[in-house]
Amino acid sequence: MHFISFSATILAAISYSKVFGDFIAWSGNACDGDEGLNVPCDNGCDGFEGRHSFEVVASGTHCVTFYEDEGCGGEHFFFSGEGNSECINVNTGTSIGSFSLFWVSELISLKTR
């Protein structure tokens, strides 16, 4: 019985993180066009090919690093700002293949360790 309850809790947590992500990338320049997946802010590396703008739909100060290559490699560009669905156009003068996203509070906690 405990195993079933534990499994249900894990599935609920996974479903929550997939439904309530933090970041959406768009194919248009003003958060329009084709909408990408709603991905969580987990400092992971995600694809950005064919995207030209983004919004952070969760509240709080975020930092986004965009990379020229897939797999978060090559030349990189740094953006930061408040969430709450502010649309940001990614105009770096080069194509962007991937990005990583984290909250500023995570950076502060890492620096104070």
PDB file of N, CA and C in Angstrom:
ATOM      1  N   MET A   1       0.824  -1.194   0.000  1.00  0.00           N
ATOM      2  CA  MET A   1       0.000   0.000   0.000  1.00  0.00           C
ATOM      3  C   MET A   1       0.868   1.259   0.000  1.00  0.00           C
ATOM      4  N   HIS A   2       1.948   1.241   0.784  1.00  0.00           N
ATOM      5  CA  HIS A   2       2.830   2.412   0.834  1.00  0.00           C
ATOM      6  C   HIS A   2       3.487   2.656  -0.517  1.00  0.00           C
ATOM      7  N   PHE A   3       3.829   1.581  -1.234  1.00  0.00           N
ATOM      8  CA  PHE A   3       4.469   1.718  -2.537  1.00  0.00           C
ATOM      9  C   PHE A   3       3.541   2.424  -3.522  1.00  0.00           C
ATOM     10  N   ILE A   4       2.256   2.061  -3.504  1.00  0.00           N
ATOM     11  CA  ILE A   4       1.283   2.685  -4.405  1.00  0.00           C
ATOM     12  C   ILE A   4       1.151   4.166  -4.082  1.00  0.00           C
ATOM     13  N   SER A   5       1.085   4.507  -2.808  1.00  0.00           N
ATOM     14  CA  SER A   5       0.977   5.906  -2.394  1.00  0.00           C
ATOM     15  C   SER A   5       2.215   6.694  -2.801  1.00  0.00           C
ATOM     16  N   PHE A   6       3.396   6.103  -2.605  1.00  0.00           N
ATOM     17  CA  PHE A   6       4.650   6.748  -2.993  1.00  0.00           C
ATOM     18  C   PHE A   6       4.698   6.948  -4.506  1.00  0.00           C
ATOM     19  N   SER A   7       4.297   5.931  -5.276  1.00  0.00           N
ATOM     20  CA  SER A   7       4.285   6.030  -6.736  1.00  0.00           C
ATOM     21  C   SER A   7       3.336   7.123  -7.208  1.00  0.00           C
ATOM     22  N   ALA A   8       2.189   7.231  -6.591  1.00  0.00           N
ATOM     23  CA  ALA A   8       1.215   8.261  -6.963  1.00  0.00           C
ATOM     24  C   ALA A   8       1.787   9.655  -6.682  1.00  0.00           C
ATOM     25  N   THR A   9       2.504   9.793  -5.573  1.00  0.00           N
ATOM     26  CA  THR A   9       3.119  11.082  -5.232  1.00  0.00           C
ATOM     27  C   THR A   9       4.173  11.465  -6.270  1.00  0.00           C
ATOM     28  N   ILE A  10       4.995  10.514  -6.673  1.00  0.00           N
ATOM     29  CA  ILE A  10       6.035  10.781  -7.677  1.00  0.00           C
ATOM     30  C   ILE A  10       5.388  11.168  -9.003  1.00  0.00           C
ATOM     31  N   LEU A  11       4.381  10.437  -9.432  1.00  0.00           N
ATOM     32  CA  LEU A  11       3.698  10.760 -10.690  1.00  0.00           C
ATOM     33  C   LEU A  11       3.047  12.138 -10.640  1.00  0.00           C
ATOM     34  N   ALA A  12       2.479  12.504  -9.512  1.00  0.00           N
ATOM     35  CA  ALA A  12       1.869  13.825  -9.374  1.00  0.00           C
ATOM     36  C   ALA A  12       2.926  14.919  -9.483  1.00  0.00           C
ATOM     37  N   ALA A  13       4.086  14.715  -8.875  1.00  0.00           N
ATOM     38  CA  ALA A  13       5.164  15.706  -8.945  1.00  0.00           C
ATOM     39  C   ALA A  13       5.673  15.857 -10.367  1.00  0.00           C
ATOM     40  N   ILE A  14       5.823  14.762 -11.082  1.00  0.00           N
ATOM     41  CA  ILE A  14       6.278  14.817 -12.473  1.00  0.00           C
ATOM     42  C   ILE A  14       5.232  15.527 -13.332  1.00  0.00           C
ATOM     43  N   SER A  15       3.975  15.196 -13.145  1.00  0.00           N
ATOM     44  CA  SER A  15       2.914  15.834 -13.915  1.00  0.00           C
ATOM     45  C   SER A  15       2.864  17.326 -13.628  1.00  0.00           C
ATOM     46  N   TYR A  16       3.028  17.727 -12.370  1.00  0.00           N
ATOM     47  CA  TYR A  16       3.001  19.134 -11.987  1.00  0.00           C
ATOM     48  C   TYR A  16       4.117  19.888 -12.699  1.00  0.00           C
ATOM     49  N   SER A  17       5.327  19.321 -12.711  1.00  0.00           N
ATOM     50  CA  SER A  17       6.450  20.029 -13.334  1.00  0.00           C
ATOM     51  C   SER A  17       6.280  20.131 -14.847  1.00  0.00           C
ATOM     52  N   LYS A  18       5.588  19.194 -15.464  1.00  0.00           N
ATOM     53  CA  LYS A  18       5.378  19.262 -16.906  1.00  0.00           C
ATOM     54  C   LYS A  18       4.270  20.250 -17.261  1.00  0.00           C
ATOM     55  N   VAL A  19       3.251  20.356 -16.420  1.00  0.00           N
ATOM     56  CA  VAL A  19       2.139  21.255 -16.699  1.00  0.00           C
ATOM     57  C   VAL A  19       2.512  22.696 -16.346  1.00  0.00           C
ATOM     58  N   PHE A  20       3.176  22.892 -15.229  1.00  0.00           N
ATOM     59  CA  PHE A  20       3.504  24.219 -14.751  1.00  0.00           C
ATOM     60  C   PHE A  20       4.989  24.498 -14.935  1.00  0.00           C
ATOM     61  N   GLY A  21       5.391  24.738 -16.157  1.00  0.00           N
ATOM     62  CA  GLY A  21       6.771  25.088 -16.444  1.00  0.00           C
ATOM     63  C   GLY A  21       7.003  26.566 -16.204  1.00  0.00           C
ATOM     64  N   ASP A  22       8.172  27.033 -16.600  1.00  0.00           N
ATOM     65  CA  ASP A  22       8.555  28.397 -16.304  1.00  0.00           C
ATOM     66  C   ASP A  22       8.882  29.223 -17.543  1.00  0.00           C
ATOM     67  N   PHE A  23       9.184  28.606 -18.668  1.00  0.00           N
ATOM     68  CA  PHE A  23       9.765  29.287 -19.821  1.00  0.00           C
ATOM     69  C   PHE A  23       9.122  28.789 -21.104  1.00  0.00           C
ATOM     70  N   ILE A  24       8.698  29.725 -21.966  1.00  0.00           N
ATOM     71  CA  ILE A  24       8.131  29.373 -23.267  1.00  0.00           C
ATOM     72  C   ILE A  24       8.885  30.158 -24.343  1.00  0.00           C
ATOM     73  N   ALA A  25       9.360  29.464 -25.365  1.00  0.00           N
ATOM     74  CA  ALA A  25      10.021  30.109 -26.502  1.00  0.00           C
ATOM     75  C   ALA A  25       9.056  30.135 -27.681  1.00  0.00           C
ATOM     76  N   TRP A  26       9.182  31.169 -28.516  1.00  0.00           N
ATOM     77  CA  TRP A  26       8.267  31.388 -29.637  1.00  0.00           C
ATOM     78  C   TRP A  26       9.049  31.525 -30.932  1.00  0.00           C
ATOM     79  N   SER A  27       8.409  31.186 -32.049  1.00  0.00           N
ATOM     80  CA  SER A  27       9.065  31.319 -33.344  1.00  0.00           C
ATOM     81  C   SER A  27       9.039  32.767 -33.843  1.00  0.00           C
ATOM     82  N   GLY A  28       8.082  33.567 -33.396  1.00  0.00           N
ATOM     83  CA  GLY A  28       7.987  34.972 -33.797  1.00  0.00           C
ATOM     84  C   GLY A  28       8.847  35.872 -32.935  1.00  0.00           C
ATOM     85  N   ASN A  29       8.988  37.122 -33.338  1.00  0.00           N
ATOM     86  CA  ASN A  29       9.832  38.080 -32.625  1.00  0.00           C
ATOM     87  C   ASN A  29       9.170  38.702 -31.402  1.00  0.00           C
ATOM     88  N   ALA A  30       7.856  38.568 -31.272  1.00  0.00           N
ATOM     89  CA  ALA A  30       7.130  39.216 -30.182  1.00  0.00           C
ATOM     90  C   ALA A  30       6.264  38.205 -29.422  1.00  0.00           C
ATOM     91  N   CYS A  31       6.827  37.049 -29.107  1.00  0.00           N
ATOM     92  CA  CYS A  31       6.114  35.970 -28.410  1.00  0.00           C
ATOM     93  C   CYS A  31       4.830  35.612 -29.152  1.00  0.00           C
ATOM     94  N   ASP A  32       4.993  35.497 -30.465  1.00  0.00           N
ATOM     95  CA  ASP A  32       3.901  35.083 -31.327  1.00  0.00           C
ATOM     96  C   ASP A  32       4.420  33.986 -32.251  1.00  0.00           C
ATOM     97  N   GLY A  33       3.579  33.514 -33.130  1.00  0.00           N
ATOM     98  CA  GLY A  33       3.986  32.406 -33.992  1.00  0.00           C
ATOM     99  C   GLY A  33       3.832  31.085 -33.259  1.00  0.00           C
ATOM    100  N   ASP A  34       4.640  30.109 -33.616  1.00  0.00           N
ATOM    101  CA  ASP A  34       4.559  28.785 -32.997  1.00  0.00           C
ATOM    102  C   ASP A  34       5.109  28.822 -31.580  1.00  0.00           C
ATOM    103  N   GLU A  35       4.333  28.284 -30.657  1.00  0.00           N
ATOM    104  CA  GLU A  35       4.714  28.230 -29.245  1.00  0.00           C
ATOM    105  C   GLU A  35       5.475  26.950 -28.964  1.00  0.00           C
ATOM    106  N   GLY A  36       6.606  27.080 -28.278  1.00  0.00           N
ATOM    107  CA  GLY A  36       7.378  25.907 -27.874  1.00  0.00           C
ATOM    108  C   GLY A  36       6.831  25.301 -26.602  1.00  0.00           C
ATOM    109  N   LEU A  37       7.513  24.308 -26.100  1.00  0.00           N
ATOM    110  CA  LEU A  37       7.119  23.665 -24.853  1.00  0.00           C
ATOM    111  C   LEU A  37       7.306  24.611 -23.681  1.00  0.00           C
ATOM    112  N   ASN A  38       6.529  24.406 -22.633  1.00  0.00           N
ATOM    113  CA  ASN A  38       6.672  25.154 -21.391  1.00  0.00           C
ATOM    114  C   ASN A  38       7.634  24.358 -20.508  1.00  0.00           C
ATOM    115  N   VAL A  39       8.889  24.812 -20.442  1.00  0.00           N
ATOM    116  CA  VAL A  39       9.919  24.036 -19.754  1.00  0.00           C
ATOM    117  C   VAL A  39      10.209  24.598 -18.365  1.00  0.00           C
ATOM    118  N   PRO A  40      10.582  23.749 -17.422  1.00  0.00           N
ATOM    119  CA  PRO A  40      10.879  24.210 -16.070  1.00  0.00           C
ATOM    120  C   PRO A  40      12.238  24.901 -15.976  1.00  0.00           C
ATOM    121  N   CYS A  41      12.366  25.762 -15.009  1.00  0.00           N
ATOM    122  CA  CYS A  41      13.630  26.425 -14.707  1.00  0.00           C
ATOM    123  C   CYS A  41      14.445  25.476 -13.841  1.00  0.00           C
ATOM    124  N   ASP A  42      15.304  24.691 -14.486  1.00  0.00           N
ATOM    125  CA  ASP A  42      16.040  23.666 -13.750  1.00  0.00           C
ATOM    126  C   ASP A  42      17.528  23.665 -14.076  1.00  0.00           C
ATOM    127  N   ASN A  43      18.008  24.739 -14.696  1.00  0.00           N
ATOM    128  CA  ASN A  43      19.412  24.880 -15.081  1.00  0.00           C
ATOM    129  C   ASN A  43      19.845  23.813 -16.088  1.00  0.00           C
ATOM    130  N   GLY A  44      18.873  23.158 -16.711  1.00  0.00           N
ATOM    131  CA  GLY A  44      19.182  22.176 -17.745  1.00  0.00           C
ATOM    132  C   GLY A  44      19.420  22.874 -19.075  1.00  0.00           C
ATOM    133  N   CYS A  45      19.793  22.115 -20.063  1.00  0.00           N
ATOM    134  CA  CYS A  45      20.048  22.641 -21.400  1.00  0.00           C
ATOM    135  C   CYS A  45      18.901  22.215 -22.315  1.00  0.00           C
ATOM    136  N   ASP A  46      18.262  23.190 -22.962  1.00  0.00           N
ATOM    137  CA  ASP A  46      17.144  22.908 -23.847  1.00  0.00           C
ATOM    138  C   ASP A  46      17.383  23.543 -25.214  1.00  0.00           C
ATOM    139  N   GLY A  47      16.753  22.998 -26.255  1.00  0.00           N
ATOM    140  CA  GLY A  47      16.911  23.509 -27.608  1.00  0.00           C
ATOM    141  C   GLY A  47      16.176  24.826 -27.831  1.00  0.00           C
ATOM    142  N   PHE A  48      16.716  25.672 -28.724  1.00  0.00           N
ATOM    143  CA  PHE A  48      16.108  26.961 -29.042  1.00  0.00           C
ATOM    144  C   PHE A  48      16.057  27.193 -30.552  1.00  0.00           C
ATOM    145  N   GLU A  49      16.437  26.221 -31.339  1.00  0.00           N
ATOM    146  CA  GLU A  49      16.491  26.386 -32.788  1.00  0.00           C
ATOM    147  C   GLU A  49      15.124  26.768 -33.348  1.00  0.00           C
ATOM    148  N   GLY A  50      15.100  27.765 -34.237  1.00  0.00           N
ATOM    149  CA  GLY A  50      13.860  28.216 -34.846  1.00  0.00           C
ATOM    150  C   GLY A  50      13.031  29.126 -33.969  1.00  0.00           C
ATOM    151  N   ARG A  51      13.560  29.554 -32.824  1.00  0.00           N
ATOM    152  CA  ARG A  51      12.847  30.436 -31.894  1.00  0.00           C
ATOM    153  C   ARG A  51      13.502  31.812 -31.921  1.00  0.00           C
ATOM    154  N   HIS A  52      12.679  32.859 -31.693  1.00  0.00           N
ATOM    155  CA  HIS A  52      13.211  34.225 -31.762  1.00  0.00           C
ATOM    156  C   HIS A  52      12.805  35.100 -30.595  1.00  0.00           C
ATOM    157  N   SER A  53      11.958  34.604 -29.714  1.00  0.00           N
ATOM    158  CA  SER A  53      11.568  35.358 -28.526  1.00  0.00           C
ATOM    159  C   SER A  53      11.182  34.372 -27.436  1.00  0.00           C
ATOM    160  N   PHE A  54      11.089  34.894 -26.210  1.00  0.00           N
ATOM    161  CA  PHE A  54      10.706  34.039 -25.097  1.00  0.00           C
ATOM    162  C   PHE A  54       9.996  34.842 -24.031  1.00  0.00           C
ATOM    163  N   GLU A  55       9.289  34.121 -23.167  1.00  0.00           N
ATOM    164  CA  GLU A  55       8.705  34.720 -21.975  1.00  0.00           C
ATOM    165  C   GLU A  55       8.889  33.757 -20.811  1.00  0.00           C
ATOM    166  N   VAL A  56       9.128  34.335 -19.650  1.00  0.00           N
ATOM    167  CA  VAL A  56       9.186  33.556 -18.421  1.00  0.00           C
ATOM    168  C   VAL A  56       7.834  33.750 -17.758  1.00  0.00           C
ATOM    169  N   VAL A  57       7.083  32.673 -17.641  1.00  0.00           N
ATOM    170  CA  VAL A  57       5.706  32.772 -17.174  1.00  0.00           C
ATOM    171  C   VAL A  57       5.582  32.665 -15.657  1.00  0.00           C
ATOM    172  N   ALA A  58       6.642  32.312 -14.971  1.00  0.00           N
ATOM    173  CA  ALA A  58       6.635  32.268 -13.514  1.00  0.00           C
ATOM    174  C   ALA A  58       7.170  33.592 -12.981  1.00  0.00           C
ATOM    175  N   SER A  59       6.799  33.955 -11.769  1.00  0.00           N
ATOM    176  CA  SER A  59       7.296  35.199 -11.193  1.00  0.00           C
ATOM    177  C   SER A  59       8.687  34.987 -10.606  1.00  0.00           C
ATOM    178  N   GLY A  60       9.418  36.072 -10.453  1.00  0.00           N
ATOM    179  CA  GLY A  60      10.761  36.017  -9.881  1.00  0.00           C
ATOM    180  C   GLY A  60      11.814  36.405 -10.901  1.00  0.00           C
ATOM    181  N   THR A  61      12.981  36.779 -10.420  1.00  0.00           N
ATOM    182  CA  THR A  61      14.069  37.194 -11.294  1.00  0.00           C
ATOM    183  C   THR A  61      14.785  35.974 -11.834  1.00  0.00           C
ATOM    184  N   HIS A  62      14.948  35.933 -13.140  1.00  0.00           N
ATOM    185  CA  HIS A  62      15.551  34.790 -13.817  1.00  0.00           C
ATOM    186  C   HIS A  62      16.791  35.218 -14.583  1.00  0.00           C
ATOM    187  N   CYS A  63      17.621  34.264 -14.896  1.00  0.00           N
ATOM    188  CA  CYS A  63      18.784  34.467 -15.754  1.00  0.00           C
ATOM    189  C   CYS A  63      18.739  33.401 -16.838  1.00  0.00           C
ATOM    190  N   VAL A  64      18.873  33.832 -18.081  1.00  0.00           N
ATOM    191  CA  VAL A  64      18.859  32.915 -19.212  1.00  0.00           C
ATOM    192  C   VAL A  64      20.167  33.091 -19.964  1.00  0.00           C
ATOM    193  N   THR A  65      20.832  31.994 -20.263  1.00  0.00           N
ATOM    194  CA  THR A  65      22.020  32.030 -21.107  1.00  0.00           C
ATOM    195  C   THR A  65      21.688  31.304 -22.399  1.00  0.00           C
ATOM    196  N   PHE A  66      21.838  32.011 -23.517  1.00  0.00           N
ATOM    197  CA  PHE A  66      21.617  31.437 -24.840  1.00  0.00           C
ATOM    198  C   PHE A  66      22.954  31.077 -25.452  1.00  0.00           C
ATOM    199  N   TYR A  67      22.991  29.959 -26.158  1.00  0.00           N
ATOM    200  CA  TYR A  67      24.221  29.451 -26.758  1.00  0.00           C
ATOM    201  C   TYR A  67      24.063  29.332 -28.272  1.00  0.00           C
ATOM    202  N   GLU A  68      25.118  29.614 -28.967  1.00  0.00           N
ATOM    203  CA  GLU A  68      25.121  29.535 -30.424  1.00  0.00           C
ATOM    204  C   GLU A  68      24.900  28.102 -30.912  1.00  0.00           C
ATOM    205  N   ASP A  69      25.453  27.136 -30.209  1.00  0.00           N
ATOM    206  CA  ASP A  69      25.375  25.731 -30.623  1.00  0.00           C
ATOM    207  C   ASP A  69      24.339  24.963 -29.812  1.00  0.00           C
ATOM    208  N   GLU A  70      23.909  23.827 -30.336  1.00  0.00           N
ATOM    209  CA  GLU A  70      23.072  22.907 -29.575  1.00  0.00           C
ATOM    210  C   GLU A  70      23.906  22.345 -28.429  1.00  0.00           C
ATOM    211  N   GLY A  71      23.269  21.896 -27.379  1.00  0.00           N
ATOM    212  CA  GLY A  71      23.983  21.305 -26.263  1.00  0.00           C
ATOM    213  C   GLY A  71      24.667  22.329 -25.375  1.00  0.00           C
ATOM    214  N   CYS A  72      24.234  23.594 -25.450  1.00  0.00           N
ATOM    215  CA  CYS A  72      24.766  24.686 -24.624  1.00  0.00           C
ATOM    216  C   CYS A  72      26.266  24.870 -24.798  1.00  0.00           C
ATOM    217  N   GLY A  73      26.688  24.968 -26.045  1.00  0.00           N
ATOM    218  CA  GLY A  73      28.098  25.199 -26.351  1.00  0.00           C
ATOM    219  C   GLY A  73      28.271  26.368 -27.307  1.00  0.00           C
ATOM    220  N   GLY A  74      29.503  26.803 -27.455  1.00  0.00           N
ATOM    221  CA  GLY A  74      29.821  27.905 -28.357  1.00  0.00           C
ATOM    222  C   GLY A  74      29.629  29.251 -27.703  1.00  0.00           C
ATOM    223  N   GLU A  75      29.581  30.291 -28.532  1.00  0.00           N
ATOM    224  CA  GLU A  75      29.402  31.649 -28.024  1.00  0.00           C
ATOM    225  C   GLU A  75      28.090  31.738 -27.250  1.00  0.00           C
ATOM    226  N   HIS A  76      28.083  32.511 -26.174  1.00  0.00           N
ATOM    227  CA  HIS A  76      26.869  32.600 -25.365  1.00  0.00           C
ATOM    228  C   HIS A  76      26.502  34.057 -25.079  1.00  0.00           C
ATOM    229  N   PHE A  77      25.217  34.252 -24.782  1.00  0.00           N
ATOM    230  CA  PHE A  77      24.633  35.558 -24.526  1.00  0.00           C
ATOM    231  C   PHE A  77      23.767  35.448 -23.283  1.00  0.00           C
ATOM    232  N   PHE A  78      23.831  36.447 -22.420  1.00  0.00           N
ATOM    233  CA  PHE A  78      23.183  36.408 -21.116  1.00  0.00           C
ATOM    234  C   PHE A  78      22.026  37.408 -21.066  1.00  0.00           C
ATOM    235  N   PHE A  79      20.862  36.953 -20.606  1.00  0.00           N
ATOM    236  CA  PHE A  79      19.697  37.813 -20.389  1.00  0.00           C
ATOM    237  C   PHE A  79      19.229  37.595 -18.953  1.00  0.00           C
ATOM    238  N   SER A  80      18.766  38.643 -18.292  1.00  0.00           N
ATOM    239  CA  SER A  80      18.127  38.469 -16.987  1.00  0.00           C
ATOM    240  C   SER A  80      16.989  39.464 -16.866  1.00  0.00           C
ATOM    241  N   GLY A  81      16.065  39.195 -15.976  1.00  0.00           N
ATOM    242  CA  GLY A  81      14.933  40.089 -15.772  1.00  0.00           C
ATOM    243  C   GLY A  81      13.858  39.432 -14.946  1.00  0.00           C
ATOM    244  N   GLU A  82      12.771  40.144 -14.784  1.00  0.00           N
ATOM    245  CA  GLU A  82      11.636  39.637 -14.029  1.00  0.00           C
ATOM    246  C   GLU A  82      10.806  38.701 -14.887  1.00  0.00           C
ATOM    247  N   GLY A  83      10.127  37.788 -14.254  1.00  0.00           N
ATOM    248  CA  GLY A  83       9.218  36.886 -14.946  1.00  0.00           C
ATOM    249  C   GLY A  83       7.904  37.580 -15.247  1.00  0.00           C
ATOM    250  N   ASN A  84       6.814  36.966 -14.906  1.00  0.00           N
ATOM    251  CA  ASN A  84       5.477  37.527 -15.092  1.00  0.00           C
ATOM    252  C   ASN A  84       5.144  37.795 -16.553  1.00  0.00           C
ATOM    253  N   SER A  85       5.572  36.920 -17.444  1.00  0.00           N
ATOM    254  CA  SER A  85       5.198  36.923 -18.856  1.00  0.00           C
ATOM    255  C   SER A  85       5.700  38.122 -19.656  1.00  0.00           C
ATOM    256  N   GLU A  86       6.819  38.695 -19.270  1.00  0.00           N
ATOM    257  CA  GLU A  86       7.440  39.742 -20.084  1.00  0.00           C
ATOM    258  C   GLU A  86       8.023  39.082 -21.327  1.00  0.00           C
ATOM    259  N   CYS A  87       7.737  39.616 -22.512  1.00  0.00           N
ATOM    260  CA  CYS A  87       8.252  39.052 -23.758  1.00  0.00           C
ATOM    261  C   CYS A  87       9.603  39.677 -24.086  1.00  0.00           C
ATOM    262  N   ILE A  88      10.583  38.852 -24.402  1.00  0.00           N
ATOM    263  CA  ILE A  88      11.924  39.328 -24.744  1.00  0.00           C
ATOM    264  C   ILE A  88      12.309  38.761 -26.102  1.00  0.00           C
ATOM    265  N   ASN A  89      12.670  39.656 -27.013  1.00  0.00           N
ATOM    266  CA  ASN A  89      13.138  39.265 -28.337  1.00  0.00           C
ATOM    267  C   ASN A  89      14.612  38.903 -28.228  1.00  0.00           C
ATOM    268  N   VAL A  90      15.004  37.792 -28.816  1.00  0.00           N
ATOM    269  CA  VAL A  90      16.394  37.351 -28.787  1.00  0.00           C
ATOM    270  C   VAL A  90      17.027  37.723 -30.121  1.00  0.00           C
ATOM    271  N   ASN A  91      17.656  38.901 -30.143  1.00  0.00           N
ATOM    272  CA  ASN A  91      18.295  39.403 -31.351  1.00  0.00           C
ATOM    273  C   ASN A  91      19.785  39.554 -31.061  1.00  0.00           C
ATOM    274  N   THR A  92      20.538  38.490 -31.285  1.00  0.00           N
ATOM    275  CA  THR A  92      21.963  38.477 -30.940  1.00  0.00           C
ATOM    276  C   THR A  92      22.862  38.656 -32.154  1.00  0.00           C
ATOM    277  N   GLY A  93      22.301  38.646 -33.345  1.00  0.00           N
ATOM    278  CA  GLY A  93      23.101  38.749 -34.558  1.00  0.00           C
ATOM    279  C   GLY A  93      23.631  37.413 -35.050  1.00  0.00           C
ATOM    280  N   THR A  94      23.313  36.346 -34.359  1.00  0.00           N
ATOM    281  CA  THR A  94      23.720  35.001 -34.756  1.00  0.00           C
ATOM    282  C   THR A  94      22.589  34.035 -34.415  1.00  0.00           C
ATOM    283  N   SER A  95      22.612  32.863 -34.971  1.00  0.00           N
ATOM    284  CA  SER A  95      21.574  31.886 -34.632  1.00  0.00           C
ATOM    285  C   SER A  95      21.817  31.343 -33.233  1.00  0.00           C
ATOM    286  N   ILE A  96      20.743  30.967 -32.580  1.00  0.00           N
ATOM    287  CA  ILE A  96      20.816  30.414 -31.230  1.00  0.00           C
ATOM    288  C   ILE A  96      20.328  28.972 -31.292  1.00  0.00           C
ATOM    289  N   GLY A  97      21.125  28.050 -30.755  1.00  0.00           N
ATOM    290  CA  GLY A  97      20.773  26.642 -30.802  1.00  0.00           C
ATOM    291  C   GLY A  97      20.231  26.077 -29.509  1.00  0.00           C
ATOM    292  N   SER A  98      20.564  26.719 -28.359  1.00  0.00           N
ATOM    293  CA  SER A  98      20.134  26.164 -27.078  1.00  0.00           C
ATOM    294  C   SER A  98      20.177  27.241 -25.994  1.00  0.00           C
ATOM    295  N   PHE A  99      19.640  26.906 -24.817  1.00  0.00           N
ATOM    296  CA  PHE A  99      19.638  27.833 -23.687  1.00  0.00           C
ATOM    297  C   PHE A  99      19.615  27.074 -22.373  1.00  0.00           C
ATOM    298  N   SER A 100      20.009  27.757 -21.317  1.00  0.00           N
ATOM    299  CA  SER A 100      19.819  27.255 -19.951  1.00  0.00           C
ATOM    300  C   SER A 100      19.185  28.371 -19.139  1.00  0.00           C
ATOM    301  N   LEU A 101      18.390  28.017 -18.148  1.00  0.00           N
ATOM    302  CA  LEU A 101      17.604  28.971 -17.368  1.00  0.00           C
ATOM    303  C   LEU A 101      17.715  28.640 -15.896  1.00  0.00           C
ATOM    304  N   PHE A 102      17.930  29.668 -15.065  1.00  0.00           N
ATOM    305  CA  PHE A 102      17.910  29.463 -13.618  1.00  0.00           C
ATOM    306  C   PHE A 102      17.393  30.716 -12.934  1.00  0.00           C
ATOM    307  N   TRP A 103      16.960  30.560 -11.686  1.00  0.00           N
ATOM    308  CA  TRP A 103      16.476  31.685 -10.884  1.00  0.00           C
ATOM    309  C   TRP A 103      17.643  32.330 -10.168  1.00  0.00           C
ATOM    310  N   VAL A 104      17.603  33.646 -10.003  1.00  0.00           N
ATOM    311  CA  VAL A 104      18.670  34.380  -9.333  1.00  0.00           C
ATOM    312  C   VAL A 104      18.859  33.881  -7.901  1.00  0.00           C
ATOM    313  N   SER A 105      17.790  33.500  -7.217  1.00  0.00           N
ATOM    314  CA  SER A 105      17.910  32.991  -5.850  1.00  0.00           C
ATOM    315  C   SER A 105      18.793  31.753  -5.799  1.00  0.00           C
ATOM    316  N   GLU A 106      18.787  30.924  -6.868  1.00  0.00           N
ATOM    317  CA  GLU A 106      19.654  29.753  -6.918  1.00  0.00           C
ATOM    318  C   GLU A 106      21.108  30.174  -7.018  1.00  0.00           C
ATOM    319  N   LEU A 107      21.392  31.218  -7.793  1.00  0.00           N
ATOM    320  CA  LEU A 107      22.758  31.712  -7.943  1.00  0.00           C
ATOM    321  C   LEU A 107      23.261  32.279  -6.626  1.00  0.00           C
ATOM    322  N   ILE A 108      22.441  33.042  -5.923  1.00  0.00           N
ATOM    323  CA  ILE A 108      22.847  33.629  -4.655  1.00  0.00           C
ATOM    324  C   ILE A 108      23.151  32.540  -3.650  1.00  0.00           C
ATOM    325  N   SER A 109      22.327  31.488  -3.596  1.00  0.00           N
ATOM    326  CA  SER A 109      22.573  30.411  -2.635  1.00  0.00           C
ATOM    327  C   SER A 109      23.857  29.660  -2.973  1.00  0.00           C
ATOM    328  N   LEU A 110      24.196  29.528  -4.271  1.00  0.00           N
ATOM    329  CA  LEU A 110      25.446  28.865  -4.646  1.00  0.00           C
ATOM    330  C   LEU A 110      26.661  29.704  -4.247  1.00  0.00           C
ATOM    331  N   LYS A 111      26.553  31.027  -4.382  1.00  0.00           N
ATOM    332  CA  LYS A 111      27.663  31.904  -4.050  1.00  0.00           C
ATOM    333  C   LYS A 111      27.908  32.004  -2.556  1.00  0.00           C
ATOM    334  N   THR A 112      26.900  31.777  -1.734  1.00  0.00           N
ATOM    335  CA  THR A 112      27.063  31.889  -0.296  1.00  0.00           C
ATOM    336  C   THR A 112      27.491  30.601   0.369  1.00  0.00           C
ATOM    337  N   ARG A 113      27.659  29.558  -0.375  1.00  0.00           N
ATOM    338  CA  ARG A 113      28.094  28.277   0.197  1.00  0.00           C
ATOM    339  C   ARG A 113      29.585  28.253   0.395  1.00  0.00           C
TER     340      ARG A 113
END
